């Protein structure tokens, strides 16, 4: 994540407090606590084979994965992933090419982010 502060503004979104001085650091720390350490996540592109909204899962063939901290090490394989929230799967359909971020949550490798590729 890159955060640039300068004369043009504080980088805050509409409706969010500004991030003057070192306030952005505590905001970054809060985001890391909510999303987890980036070294514990793996980013990859894949094609969705199926989506089960009832169970909050996506089935795909993922490439070989290795997280920066070494907690996730898996060969290329066909796998079903749970999403950390049902809302993450909104708009995702079978056949979609997607960029996916997975991380360890509650002892399982789960989707933390997923978006369609254009």
PDB file of N, CA and C in Angstrom:
ATOM      1  N   UNK A   1       0.850  -1.158   0.000  1.00  0.00           N
ATOM      2  CA  UNK A   1       0.000   0.000   0.000  1.00  0.00           C
ATOM      3  C   UNK A   1       0.894   1.218   0.000  1.00  0.00           C
ATOM      4  N   UNK A   2       0.565   2.211  -0.812  1.00  0.00           N
ATOM      5  CA  UNK A   2       1.328   3.442  -0.883  1.00  0.00           C
ATOM      6  C   UNK A   2       0.411   4.572  -0.505  1.00  0.00           C
ATOM      7  N   UNK A   3       0.814   5.389   0.439  1.00  0.00           N
ATOM      8  CA  UNK A   3       0.025   6.527   0.872  1.00  0.00           C
ATOM      9  C   UNK A   3       0.864   7.758   0.648  1.00  0.00           C
ATOM     10  N   UNK A   4       0.335   8.701  -0.113  1.00  0.00           N
ATOM     11  CA  UNK A   4       1.061   9.919  -0.415  1.00  0.00           C
ATOM     12  C   UNK A   4       0.318  11.077   0.204  1.00  0.00           C
ATOM     13  N   UNK A   5       0.992  11.830   1.040  1.00  0.00           N
ATOM     14  CA  UNK A   5       0.418  13.017   1.653  1.00  0.00           C
ATOM     15  C   UNK A   5       1.116  14.224   1.063  1.00  0.00           C
ATOM     16  N   UNK A   6       0.354  15.242   0.783  1.00  0.00           N
ATOM     17  CA  UNK A   6       0.969  16.423   0.216  1.00  0.00           C
ATOM     18  C   UNK A   6       0.037  17.605   0.257  1.00  0.00           C
ATOM     19  N   UNK A   7       0.416  18.663  -0.430  1.00  0.00           N
ATOM     20  CA  UNK A   7      -0.350  19.900  -0.424  1.00  0.00           C
ATOM     21  C   UNK A   7      -1.717  19.738  -1.048  1.00  0.00           C
ATOM     22  N   UNK A   8      -1.874  18.775  -1.945  1.00  0.00           N
ATOM     23  CA  UNK A   8      -3.154  18.599  -2.633  1.00  0.00           C
ATOM     24  C   UNK A   8      -4.221  18.052  -1.701  1.00  0.00           C
ATOM     25  N   UNK A   9      -3.851  17.481  -0.598  1.00  0.00           N
ATOM     26  CA  UNK A   9      -4.852  16.946   0.326  1.00  0.00           C
ATOM     27  C   UNK A   9      -4.248  15.889   1.212  1.00  0.00           C
ATOM     28  N   UNK A  10      -5.077  15.406   2.095  1.00  0.00           N
ATOM     29  CA  UNK A  10      -4.600  14.458   3.085  1.00  0.00           C
ATOM     30  C   UNK A  10      -4.743  13.021   2.644  1.00  0.00           C
ATOM     31  N   UNK A  11      -5.424  12.771   1.518  1.00  0.00           N
ATOM     32  CA  UNK A  11      -5.644  11.407   1.091  1.00  0.00           C
ATOM     33  C   UNK A  11      -6.902  10.799   1.676  1.00  0.00           C
ATOM     34  N   UNK A  12      -7.639  11.548   2.496  1.00  0.00           N
ATOM     35  CA  UNK A  12      -8.868  11.022   3.090  1.00  0.00           C
ATOM     36  C   UNK A  12      -9.969  10.979   2.053  1.00  0.00           C
ATOM     37  N   UNK A  13     -10.809   9.979   2.164  1.00  0.00           N
ATOM     38  CA  UNK A  13     -11.973   9.872   1.296  1.00  0.00           C
ATOM     39  C   UNK A  13     -13.075  10.757   1.849  1.00  0.00           C
ATOM     40  N   UNK A  14     -14.043  11.064   0.996  1.00  0.00           N
ATOM     41  CA  UNK A  14     -15.176  11.870   1.440  1.00  0.00           C
ATOM     42  C   UNK A  14     -15.829  11.196   2.636  1.00  0.00           C
ATOM     43  N   UNK A  15     -16.097  11.964   3.668  1.00  0.00           N
ATOM     44  CA  UNK A  15     -16.749  11.432   4.849  1.00  0.00           C
ATOM     45  C   UNK A  15     -15.796  10.828   5.865  1.00  0.00           C
ATOM     46  N   UNK A  16     -14.499  10.746   5.537  1.00  0.00           N
ATOM     47  CA  UNK A  16     -13.512  10.217   6.476  1.00  0.00           C
ATOM     48  C   UNK A  16     -12.703  11.374   7.046  1.00  0.00           C
ATOM     49  N   UNK A  17     -12.231  11.235   8.268  1.00  0.00           N
ATOM     50  CA  UNK A  17     -11.404  12.299   8.833  1.00  0.00           C
ATOM     51  C   UNK A  17     -10.090  12.408   8.071  1.00  0.00           C
ATOM     52  N   UNK A  18      -9.503  13.597   8.086  1.00  0.00           N
ATOM     53  CA  UNK A  18      -8.225  13.784   7.398  1.00  0.00           C
ATOM     54  C   UNK A  18      -7.136  13.027   8.143  1.00  0.00           C
ATOM     55  N   UNK A  19      -6.032  12.846   7.470  1.00  0.00           N
ATOM     56  CA  UNK A  19      -4.919  12.110   8.073  1.00  0.00           C
ATOM     57  C   UNK A  19      -3.692  13.010   8.111  1.00  0.00           C
ATOM     58  N   UNK A  20      -3.767  14.050   8.931  1.00  0.00           N
ATOM     59  CA  UNK A  20      -2.658  14.984   9.060  1.00  0.00           C
ATOM     60  C   UNK A  20      -1.572  14.406   9.963  1.00  0.00           C
ATOM     61  N   UNK A  21      -0.342  14.861   9.770  1.00  0.00           N
ATOM     62  CA  UNK A  21       0.758  14.439  10.619  1.00  0.00           C
ATOM     63  C   UNK A  21       0.971  12.944  10.558  1.00  0.00           C
ATOM     64  N   UNK A  22       1.104  12.324  11.715  1.00  0.00           N
ATOM     65  CA  UNK A  22       1.346  10.887  11.778  1.00  0.00           C
ATOM     66  C   UNK A  22       0.070  10.093  12.023  1.00  0.00           C
ATOM     67  N   UNK A  23      -1.079  10.759  11.933  1.00  0.00           N
ATOM     68  CA  UNK A  23      -2.360  10.078  12.130  1.00  0.00           C
ATOM     69  C   UNK A  23      -2.534   8.929  11.140  1.00  0.00           C
ATOM     70  N   UNK A  24      -1.988   9.075   9.921  1.00  0.00           N
ATOM     71  CA  UNK A  24      -2.120   8.025   8.908  1.00  0.00           C
ATOM     72  C   UNK A  24      -1.475   6.728   9.369  1.00  0.00           C
ATOM     73  N   UNK A  25      -0.430   6.805  10.202  1.00  0.00           N
ATOM     74  CA  UNK A  25       0.241   5.599  10.664  1.00  0.00           C
ATOM     75  C   UNK A  25      -0.697   4.756  11.526  1.00  0.00           C
ATOM     76  N   UNK A  26      -1.433   5.396  12.435  1.00  0.00           N
ATOM     77  CA  UNK A  26      -2.367   4.624  13.262  1.00  0.00           C
ATOM     78  C   UNK A  26      -3.490   4.066  12.401  1.00  0.00           C
ATOM     79  N   UNK A  27      -3.875   4.792  11.365  1.00  0.00           N
ATOM     80  CA  UNK A  27      -4.903   4.295  10.442  1.00  0.00           C
ATOM     81  C   UNK A  27      -4.372   3.067   9.693  1.00  0.00           C
ATOM     82  N   UNK A  28      -3.126   3.114   9.249  1.00  0.00           N
ATOM     83  CA  UNK A  28      -2.501   1.983   8.567  1.00  0.00           C
ATOM     84  C   UNK A  28      -2.417   0.779   9.501  1.00  0.00           C
ATOM     85  N   UNK A  29      -2.028   1.015  10.747  1.00  0.00           N
ATOM     86  CA  UNK A  29      -1.962  -0.075  11.723  1.00  0.00           C
ATOM     87  C   UNK A  29      -3.342  -0.693  11.956  1.00  0.00           C
ATOM     88  N   UNK A  30      -4.385   0.139  11.998  1.00  0.00           N
ATOM     89  CA  UNK A  30      -5.750  -0.362  12.173  1.00  0.00           C
ATOM     90  C   UNK A  30      -6.163  -1.214  10.976  1.00  0.00           C
ATOM     91  N   UNK A  31      -5.847  -0.755   9.755  1.00  0.00           N
ATOM     92  CA  UNK A  31      -6.173  -1.528   8.556  1.00  0.00           C
ATOM     93  C   UNK A  31      -5.450  -2.871   8.563  1.00  0.00           C
ATOM     94  N   UNK A  32      -4.181  -2.887   8.979  1.00  0.00           N
ATOM     95  CA  UNK A  32      -3.447  -4.151   9.044  1.00  0.00           C
ATOM     96  C   UNK A  32      -4.062  -5.089  10.068  1.00  0.00           C
ATOM     97  N   UNK A  33      -4.536  -4.548  11.177  1.00  0.00           N
ATOM     98  CA  UNK A  33      -5.184  -5.387  12.189  1.00  0.00           C
ATOM     99  C   UNK A  33      -6.476  -5.986  11.646  1.00  0.00           C
ATOM    100  N   UNK A  34      -7.215  -5.192  10.845  1.00  0.00           N
ATOM    101  CA  UNK A  34      -8.472  -5.668  10.267  1.00  0.00           C
ATOM    102  C   UNK A  34      -8.234  -6.659   9.138  1.00  0.00           C
ATOM    103  N   UNK A  35      -7.261  -6.383   8.281  1.00  0.00           N
ATOM    104  CA  UNK A  35      -7.033  -7.190   7.073  1.00  0.00           C
ATOM    105  C   UNK A  35      -5.936  -8.222   7.236  1.00  0.00           C
ATOM    106  N   UNK A  36      -5.119  -8.075   8.245  1.00  0.00           N
ATOM    107  CA  UNK A  36      -4.012  -8.996   8.445  1.00  0.00           C
ATOM    108  C   UNK A  36      -2.731  -8.477   7.813  1.00  0.00           C
ATOM    109  N   UNK A  37      -1.649  -9.080   8.193  1.00  0.00           N
ATOM    110  CA  UNK A  37      -0.331  -8.717   7.690  1.00  0.00           C
ATOM    111  C   UNK A  37      -0.237  -9.066   6.209  1.00  0.00           C
ATOM    112  N   UNK A  38       0.150  -8.108   5.340  1.00  0.00           N
ATOM    113  CA  UNK A  38       0.244  -8.384   3.900  1.00  0.00           C
ATOM    114  C   UNK A  38       1.176  -9.549   3.564  1.00  0.00           C
ATOM    115  N   UNK A  39       2.188  -9.813   4.390  1.00  0.00           N
ATOM    116  CA  UNK A  39       3.104 -10.930   4.124  1.00  0.00           C
ATOM    117  C   UNK A  39       2.412 -12.278   4.291  1.00  0.00           C
ATOM    118  N   UNK A  40       1.248 -12.277   4.918  1.00  0.00           N
ATOM    119  CA  UNK A  40       0.506 -13.522   5.136  1.00  0.00           C
ATOM    120  C   UNK A  40      -0.542 -13.755   4.053  1.00  0.00           C
ATOM    121  N   UNK A  41      -0.529 -12.963   3.006  1.00  0.00           N
ATOM    122  CA  UNK A  41      -1.506 -13.083   1.926  1.00  0.00           C
ATOM    123  C   UNK A  41      -0.824 -13.441   0.614  1.00  0.00           C
ATOM    124  N   UNK A  42      -1.594 -14.051  -0.286  1.00  0.00           N
ATOM    125  CA  UNK A  42      -1.106 -14.398  -1.618  1.00  0.00           C
ATOM    126  C   UNK A  42      -2.074 -13.809  -2.637  1.00  0.00           C
ATOM    127  N   UNK A  43      -1.537 -13.137  -3.653  1.00  0.00           N
ATOM    128  CA  UNK A  43      -2.325 -12.577  -4.756  1.00  0.00           C
ATOM    129  C   UNK A  43      -2.163 -13.487  -5.968  1.00  0.00           C
ATOM    130  N   UNK A  44      -3.262 -13.765  -6.678  1.00  0.00           N
ATOM    131  CA  UNK A  44      -3.162 -14.538  -7.916  1.00  0.00           C
ATOM    132  C   UNK A  44      -4.376 -14.285  -8.798  1.00  0.00           C
ATOM    133  N   UNK A  45      -4.216 -14.580 -10.099  1.00  0.00           N
ATOM    134  CA  UNK A  45      -5.311 -14.508 -11.065  1.00  0.00           C
ATOM    135  C   UNK A  45      -5.767 -15.923 -11.371  1.00  0.00           C
ATOM    136  N   UNK A  46      -7.079 -16.093 -11.561  1.00  0.00           N
ATOM    137  CA  UNK A  46      -7.632 -17.420 -11.847  1.00  0.00           C
ATOM    138  C   UNK A  46      -8.965 -17.261 -12.563  1.00  0.00           C
ATOM    139  N   UNK A  47      -9.516 -18.379 -13.023  1.00  0.00           N
ATOM    140  CA  UNK A  47     -10.850 -18.396 -13.624  1.00  0.00           C
ATOM    141  C   UNK A  47     -11.771 -19.155 -12.675  1.00  0.00           C
ATOM    142  N   UNK A  48     -12.926 -18.535 -12.386  1.00  0.00           N
ATOM    143  CA  UNK A  48     -13.901 -19.128 -11.466  1.00  0.00           C
ATOM    144  C   UNK A  48     -14.609 -20.282 -12.161  1.00  0.00           C
ATOM    145  N   UNK A  49     -14.636 -21.435 -11.510  1.00  0.00           N
ATOM    146  CA  UNK A  49     -15.371 -22.586 -12.034  1.00  0.00           C
ATOM    147  C   UNK A  49     -16.797 -22.604 -11.510  1.00  0.00           C
ATOM    148  N   UNK A  50     -16.966 -22.277 -10.231  1.00  0.00           N
ATOM    149  CA  UNK A  50     -18.318 -22.226  -9.668  1.00  0.00           C
ATOM    150  C   UNK A  50     -18.339 -21.334  -8.439  1.00  0.00           C
ATOM    151  N   UNK A  51     -19.537 -20.819  -8.141  1.00  0.00           N
ATOM    152  CA  UNK A  51     -19.766 -19.996  -6.958  1.00  0.00           C
ATOM    153  C   UNK A  51     -20.959 -20.593  -6.225  1.00  0.00           C
ATOM    154  N   UNK A  52     -20.814 -20.832  -4.939  1.00  0.00           N
ATOM    155  CA  UNK A  52     -21.922 -21.301  -4.111  1.00  0.00           C
ATOM    156  C   UNK A  52     -22.202 -20.215  -3.079  1.00  0.00           C
ATOM    157  N   UNK A  53     -23.199 -19.400  -3.362  1.00  0.00           N
ATOM    158  CA  UNK A  53     -23.512 -18.279  -2.478  1.00  0.00           C
ATOM    159  C   UNK A  53     -24.065 -18.752  -1.133  1.00  0.00           C
ATOM    160  N   UNK A  54     -24.698 -19.910  -1.116  1.00  0.00           N
ATOM    161  CA  UNK A  54     -25.240 -20.447   0.128  1.00  0.00           C
ATOM    162  C   UNK A  54     -24.167 -20.748   1.151  1.00  0.00           C
ATOM    163  N   UNK A  55     -23.040 -21.282   0.673  1.00  0.00           N
ATOM    164  CA  UNK A  55     -21.944 -21.606   1.594  1.00  0.00           C
ATOM    165  C   UNK A  55     -20.836 -20.557   1.560  1.00  0.00           C
ATOM    166  N   UNK A  56     -20.943 -19.581   0.636  1.00  0.00           N
ATOM    167  CA  UNK A  56     -19.925 -18.534   0.540  1.00  0.00           C
ATOM    168  C   UNK A  56     -18.603 -19.035   0.008  1.00  0.00           C
ATOM    169  N   UNK A  57     -18.677 -19.919  -1.018  1.00  0.00           N
ATOM    170  CA  UNK A  57     -17.449 -20.500  -1.562  1.00  0.00           C
ATOM    171  C   UNK A  57     -17.295 -20.250  -3.057  1.00  0.00           C
ATOM    172  N   UNK A  58     -16.049 -20.298  -3.499  1.00  0.00           N
ATOM    173  CA  UNK A  58     -15.688 -20.176  -4.911  1.00  0.00           C
ATOM    174  C   UNK A  58     -14.742 -21.327  -5.228  1.00  0.00           C
ATOM    175  N   UNK A  59     -15.006 -22.017  -6.336  1.00  0.00           N
ATOM    176  CA  UNK A  59     -14.125 -23.093  -6.782  1.00  0.00           C
ATOM    177  C   UNK A  59     -13.351 -22.601  -7.995  1.00  0.00           C
ATOM    178  N   UNK A  60     -12.035 -22.830  -7.991  1.00  0.00           N
ATOM    179  CA  UNK A  60     -11.161 -22.389  -9.083  1.00  0.00           C
ATOM    180  C   UNK A  60      -9.902 -23.243  -9.085  1.00  0.00           C
ATOM    181  N   UNK A  61      -9.123 -23.127 -10.156  1.00  0.00           N
ATOM    182  CA  UNK A  61      -7.790 -23.720 -10.196  1.00  0.00           C
ATOM    183  C   UNK A  61      -6.825 -22.581  -9.902  1.00  0.00           C
ATOM    184  N   UNK A  62      -6.098 -22.697  -8.805  1.00  0.00           N
ATOM    185  CA  UNK A  62      -5.166 -21.627  -8.449  1.00  0.00           C
ATOM    186  C   UNK A  62      -3.744 -22.023  -8.839  1.00  0.00           C
ATOM    187  N   UNK A  63      -2.902 -21.014  -9.091  1.00  0.00           N
ATOM    188  CA  UNK A  63      -1.498 -21.299  -9.406  1.00  0.00           C
ATOM    189  C   UNK A  63      -0.752 -21.706  -8.132  1.00  0.00           C
ATOM    190  N   UNK A  64       0.501 -22.073  -8.281  1.00  0.00           N
ATOM    191  CA  UNK A  64       1.331 -22.341  -7.108  1.00  0.00           C
ATOM    192  C   UNK A  64       1.326 -21.099  -6.222  1.00  0.00           C
ATOM    193  N   UNK A  65       1.198 -21.301  -4.921  1.00  0.00           N
ATOM    194  CA  UNK A  65       1.110 -20.174  -3.993  1.00  0.00           C
ATOM    195  C   UNK A  65       2.197 -20.272  -2.935  1.00  0.00           C
ATOM    196  N   UNK A  66       2.741 -19.106  -2.579  1.00  0.00           N
ATOM    197  CA  UNK A  66       3.702 -19.024  -1.481  1.00  0.00           C
ATOM    198  C   UNK A  66       3.583 -17.619  -0.892  1.00  0.00           C
ATOM    199  N   UNK A  67       3.196 -17.547   0.381  1.00  0.00           N
ATOM    200  CA  UNK A  67       3.099 -16.246   1.037  1.00  0.00           C
ATOM    201  C   UNK A  67       4.484 -15.787   1.468  1.00  0.00           C
ATOM    202  N   UNK A  68       4.617 -14.496   1.671  1.00  0.00           N
ATOM    203  CA  UNK A  68       5.901 -13.928   2.065  1.00  0.00           C
ATOM    204  C   UNK A  68       6.434 -14.463   3.379  1.00  0.00           C
ATOM    205  N   UNK A  69       5.532 -14.836   4.283  1.00  0.00           N
ATOM    206  CA  UNK A  69       5.964 -15.348   5.580  1.00  0.00           C
ATOM    207  C   UNK A  69       6.109 -16.867   5.604  1.00  0.00           C
ATOM    208  N   UNK A  70       5.781 -17.531   4.481  1.00  0.00           N
ATOM    209  CA  UNK A  70       5.936 -18.975   4.388  1.00  0.00           C
ATOM    210  C   UNK A  70       4.814 -19.799   4.997  1.00  0.00           C
ATOM    211  N   UNK A  71       3.767 -19.154   5.515  1.00  0.00           N
ATOM    212  CA  UNK A  71       2.653 -19.899   6.105  1.00  0.00           C
ATOM    213  C   UNK A  71       1.769 -20.557   5.056  1.00  0.00           C
ATOM    214  N   UNK A  72       1.715 -19.987   3.861  1.00  0.00           N
ATOM    215  CA  UNK A  72       0.917 -20.574   2.782  1.00  0.00           C
ATOM    216  C   UNK A  72       1.877 -21.059   1.707  1.00  0.00           C
ATOM    217  N   UNK A  73       1.941 -22.364   1.513  1.00  0.00           N
ATOM    218  CA  UNK A  73       2.757 -22.976   0.465  1.00  0.00           C
ATOM    219  C   UNK A  73       1.916 -24.090  -0.130  1.00  0.00           C
ATOM    220  N   UNK A  74       1.478 -23.907  -1.387  1.00  0.00           N
ATOM    221  CA  UNK A  74       0.621 -24.900  -2.032  1.00  0.00           C
ATOM    222  C   UNK A  74       0.969 -25.014  -3.507  1.00  0.00           C
ATOM    223  N   UNK A  75       0.946 -26.212  -4.058  1.00  0.00           N
ATOM    224  CA  UNK A  75       1.146 -26.367  -5.501  1.00  0.00           C
ATOM    225  C   UNK A  75      -0.111 -25.927  -6.247  1.00  0.00           C
ATOM    226  N   UNK A  76       0.004 -25.800  -7.562  1.00  0.00           N
ATOM    227  CA  UNK A  76      -1.163 -25.495  -8.398  1.00  0.00           C
ATOM    228  C   UNK A  76      -2.182 -26.614  -8.190  1.00  0.00           C
ATOM    229  N   UNK A  77      -3.446 -26.242  -7.962  1.00  0.00           N
ATOM    230  CA  UNK A  77      -4.476 -27.260  -7.763  1.00  0.00           C
ATOM    231  C   UNK A  77      -5.883 -26.695  -7.912  1.00  0.00           C
ATOM    232  N   UNK A  78      -6.820 -27.599  -8.057  1.00  0.00           N
ATOM    233  CA  UNK A  78      -8.250 -27.305  -8.085  1.00  0.00           C
ATOM    234  C   UNK A  78      -8.690 -27.216  -6.628  1.00  0.00           C
ATOM    235  N   UNK A  79      -9.356 -26.120  -6.229  1.00  0.00           N
ATOM    236  CA  UNK A  79      -9.672 -25.942  -4.813  1.00  0.00           C
ATOM    237  C   UNK A  79     -10.910 -25.083  -4.639  1.00  0.00           C
ATOM    238  N   UNK A  80     -11.624 -25.331  -3.565  1.00  0.00           N
ATOM    239  CA  UNK A  80     -12.764 -24.507  -3.173  1.00  0.00           C
ATOM    240  C   UNK A  80     -12.340 -23.666  -1.978  1.00  0.00           C
ATOM    241  N   UNK A  81     -12.503 -22.350  -2.105  1.00  0.00           N
ATOM    242  CA  UNK A  81     -12.147 -21.407  -1.044  1.00  0.00           C
ATOM    243  C   UNK A  81     -13.410 -20.807  -0.448  1.00  0.00           C
ATOM    244  N   UNK A  82     -13.439 -20.632   0.863  1.00  0.00           N
ATOM    245  CA  UNK A  82     -14.482 -19.849   1.516  1.00  0.00           C
ATOM    246  C   UNK A  82     -14.061 -18.385   1.472  1.00  0.00           C
ATOM    247  N   UNK A  83     -15.031 -17.491   1.364  1.00  0.00           N
ATOM    248  CA  UNK A  83     -14.771 -16.055   1.454  1.00  0.00           C
ATOM    249  C   UNK A  83     -14.939 -15.631   2.911  1.00  0.00           C
ATOM    250  N   UNK A  84     -14.200 -14.599   3.340  1.00  0.00           N
ATOM    251  CA  UNK A  84     -14.324 -14.143   4.722  1.00  0.00           C
ATOM    252  C   UNK A  84     -15.676 -13.486   4.971  1.00  0.00           C
ATOM    253  N   UNK A  85     -16.360 -13.065   3.895  1.00  0.00           N
ATOM    254  CA  UNK A  85     -17.702 -12.478   4.009  1.00  0.00           C
ATOM    255  C   UNK A  85     -18.469 -12.787   2.727  1.00  0.00           C
ATOM    256  N   UNK A  86     -19.753 -13.103   2.864  1.00  0.00           N
ATOM    257  CA  UNK A  86     -20.584 -13.403   1.700  1.00  0.00           C
ATOM    258  C   UNK A  86     -20.581 -12.240   0.705  1.00  0.00           C
ATOM    259  N   UNK A  87     -20.499 -11.015   1.202  1.00  0.00           N
ATOM    260  CA  UNK A  87     -20.530  -9.834   0.332  1.00  0.00           C
ATOM    261  C   UNK A  87     -19.350  -9.796  -0.634  1.00  0.00           C
ATOM    262  N   UNK A  88     -18.251 -10.458  -0.310  1.00  0.00           N
ATOM    263  CA  UNK A  88     -17.075 -10.476  -1.198  1.00  0.00           C
ATOM    264  C   UNK A  88     -17.392 -11.132  -2.536  1.00  0.00           C
ATOM    265  N   UNK A  89     -18.411 -12.003  -2.567  1.00  0.00           N
ATOM    266  CA  UNK A  89     -18.735 -12.753  -3.785  1.00  0.00           C
ATOM    267  C   UNK A  89     -19.766 -12.055  -4.664  1.00  0.00           C
ATOM    268  N   UNK A  90     -20.232 -10.901  -4.236  1.00  0.00           N
ATOM    269  CA  UNK A  90     -21.233 -10.170  -5.013  1.00  0.00           C
ATOM    270  C   UNK A  90     -20.697  -9.872  -6.414  1.00  0.00           C
ATOM    271  N   UNK A  91     -21.445 -10.273  -7.434  1.00  0.00           N
ATOM    272  CA  UNK A  91     -21.080 -10.002  -8.823  1.00  0.00           C
ATOM    273  C   UNK A  91     -20.124 -11.010  -9.442  1.00  0.00           C
ATOM    274  N   UNK A  92     -19.643 -11.963  -8.675  1.00  0.00           N
ATOM    275  CA  UNK A  92     -18.716 -12.979  -9.191  1.00  0.00           C
ATOM    276  C   UNK A  92     -19.526 -14.167  -9.697  1.00  0.00           C
ATOM    277  N   UNK A  93     -19.238 -14.609 -10.928  1.00  0.00           N
ATOM    278  CA  UNK A  93     -19.975 -15.712 -11.554  1.00  0.00           C
ATOM    279  C   UNK A  93     -18.999 -16.743 -12.122  1.00  0.00           C
ATOM    280  N   UNK A  94     -19.493 -17.953 -12.352  1.00  0.00           N
ATOM    281  CA  UNK A  94     -18.692 -18.993 -13.003  1.00  0.00           C
ATOM    282  C   UNK A  94     -18.223 -18.476 -14.357  1.00  0.00           C
ATOM    283  N   UNK A  95     -16.972 -18.737 -14.694  1.00  0.00           N
ATOM    284  CA  UNK A  95     -16.397 -18.295 -15.955  1.00  0.00           C
ATOM    285  C   UNK A  95     -15.656 -16.972 -15.863  1.00  0.00           C
ATOM    286  N   UNK A  96     -15.851 -16.212 -14.781  1.00  0.00           N
ATOM    287  CA  UNK A  96     -15.171 -14.922 -14.628  1.00  0.00           C
ATOM    288  C   UNK A  96     -13.674 -15.118 -14.407  1.00  0.00           C
ATOM    289  N   UNK A  97     -12.876 -14.275 -15.053  1.00  0.00           N
ATOM    290  CA  UNK A  97     -11.446 -14.184 -14.744  1.00  0.00           C
ATOM    291  C   UNK A  97     -11.350 -13.213 -13.572  1.00  0.00           C
ATOM    292  N   UNK A  98     -10.662 -13.616 -12.505  1.00  0.00           N
ATOM    293  CA  UNK A  98     -10.632 -12.806 -11.292  1.00  0.00           C
ATOM    294  C   UNK A  98      -9.217 -12.653 -10.748  1.00  0.00           C
ATOM    295  N   UNK A  99      -9.008 -11.552 -10.034  1.00  0.00           N
ATOM    296  CA  UNK A  99      -7.806 -11.370  -9.222  1.00  0.00           C
ATOM    297  C   UNK A  99      -8.243 -11.676  -7.796  1.00  0.00           C
ATOM    298  N   UNK A 100      -7.525 -12.561  -7.141  1.00  0.00           N
ATOM    299  CA  UNK A 100      -7.925 -13.047  -5.824  1.00  0.00           C
ATOM    300  C   UNK A 100      -6.795 -12.845  -4.822  1.00  0.00           C
ATOM    301  N   UNK A 101      -7.175 -12.494  -3.601  1.00  0.00           N
ATOM    302  CA  UNK A 101      -6.225 -12.417  -2.498  1.00  0.00           C
ATOM    303  C   UNK A 101      -6.717 -13.390  -1.433  1.00  0.00           C
ATOM    304  N   UNK A 102      -5.843 -14.298  -1.022  1.00  0.00           N
ATOM    305  CA  UNK A 102      -6.195 -15.253   0.030  1.00  0.00           C
ATOM    306  C   UNK A 102      -5.236 -15.096   1.202  1.00  0.00           C
ATOM    307  N   UNK A 103      -5.725 -15.457   2.377  1.00  0.00           N
ATOM    308  CA  UNK A 103      -4.905 -15.420   3.582  1.00  0.00           C
ATOM    309  C   UNK A 103      -5.442 -16.415   4.588  1.00  0.00           C
ATOM    310  N   UNK A 104      -4.646 -16.701   5.611  1.00  0.00           N
ATOM    311  CA  UNK A 104      -5.094 -17.629   6.660  1.00  0.00           C
ATOM    312  C   UNK A 104      -5.992 -16.877   7.635  1.00  0.00           C
ATOM    313  N   UNK A 105      -7.193 -17.405   7.823  1.00  0.00           N
ATOM    314  CA  UNK A 105      -8.156 -16.849   8.772  1.00  0.00           C
ATOM    315  C   UNK A 105      -8.864 -18.008   9.441  1.00  0.00           C
ATOM    316  N   UNK A 106      -8.895 -17.985  10.760  1.00  0.00           N
ATOM    317  CA  UNK A 106      -9.562 -19.037  11.538  1.00  0.00           C
ATOM    318  C   UNK A 106      -9.045 -20.427  11.157  1.00  0.00           C
ATOM    319  N   UNK A 107      -7.749 -20.526  10.881  1.00  0.00           N
ATOM    320  CA  UNK A 107      -7.135 -21.810  10.578  1.00  0.00           C
ATOM    321  C   UNK A 107      -7.296 -22.301   9.154  1.00  0.00           C
ATOM    322  N   UNK A 108      -7.953 -21.524   8.301  1.00  0.00           N
ATOM    323  CA  UNK A 108      -8.172 -21.939   6.908  1.00  0.00           C
ATOM    324  C   UNK A 108      -7.649 -20.868   5.961  1.00  0.00           C
ATOM    325  N   UNK A 109      -7.353 -21.264   4.731  1.00  0.00           N
ATOM    326  CA  UNK A 109      -6.973 -20.298   3.702  1.00  0.00           C
ATOM    327  C   UNK A 109      -8.265 -19.809   3.067  1.00  0.00           C
ATOM    328  N   UNK A 110      -8.548 -18.512   3.233  1.00  0.00           N
ATOM    329  CA  UNK A 110      -9.821 -17.943   2.798  1.00  0.00           C
ATOM    330  C   UNK A 110      -9.604 -16.751   1.876  1.00  0.00           C
ATOM    331  N   UNK A 111     -10.610 -16.477   1.037  1.00  0.00           N
ATOM    332  CA  UNK A 111     -10.578 -15.310   0.156  1.00  0.00           C
ATOM    333  C   UNK A 111     -10.828 -14.063   0.991  1.00  0.00           C
ATOM    334  N   UNK A 112      -9.881 -13.121   0.931  1.00  0.00           N
ATOM    335  CA  UNK A 112     -10.065 -11.841   1.612  1.00  0.00           C
ATOM    336  C   UNK A 112     -10.506 -10.763   0.629  1.00  0.00           C
ATOM    337  N   UNK A 113     -10.124 -10.919  -0.641  1.00  0.00           N
ATOM    338  CA  UNK A 113     -10.542  -9.991  -1.694  1.00  0.00           C
ATOM    339  C   UNK A 113     -10.662 -10.765  -2.996  1.00  0.00           C
ATOM    340  N   UNK A 114     -11.642 -10.383  -3.806  1.00  0.00           N
ATOM    341  CA  UNK A 114     -11.789 -10.977  -5.137  1.00  0.00           C
ATOM    342  C   UNK A 114     -12.451  -9.935  -6.024  1.00  0.00           C
ATOM    343  N   UNK A 115     -11.907  -9.762  -7.231  1.00  0.00           N
ATOM    344  CA  UNK A 115     -12.510  -8.811  -8.176  1.00  0.00           C
ATOM    345  C   UNK A 115     -12.343  -9.339  -9.593  1.00  0.00           C
ATOM    346  N   UNK A 116     -13.298  -8.981 -10.433  1.00  0.00           N
ATOM    347  CA  UNK A 116     -13.238  -9.389 -11.841  1.00  0.00           C
ATOM    348  C   UNK A 116     -12.109  -8.660 -12.540  1.00  0.00           C
ATOM    349  N   UNK A 117     -11.441  -9.368 -13.437  1.00  0.00           N
ATOM    350  CA  UNK A 117     -10.442  -8.742 -14.302  1.00  0.00           C
ATOM    351  C   UNK A 117     -11.153  -8.239 -15.543  1.00  0.00           C
ATOM    352  N   UNK A 118     -10.669  -7.190 -16.113  1.00  0.00           N
ATOM    353  CA  UNK A 118     -11.314  -6.633 -17.309  1.00  0.00           C
ATOM    354  C   UNK A 118     -10.739  -7.245 -18.551  1.00  0.00           C
TER     355      UNK A 118
END
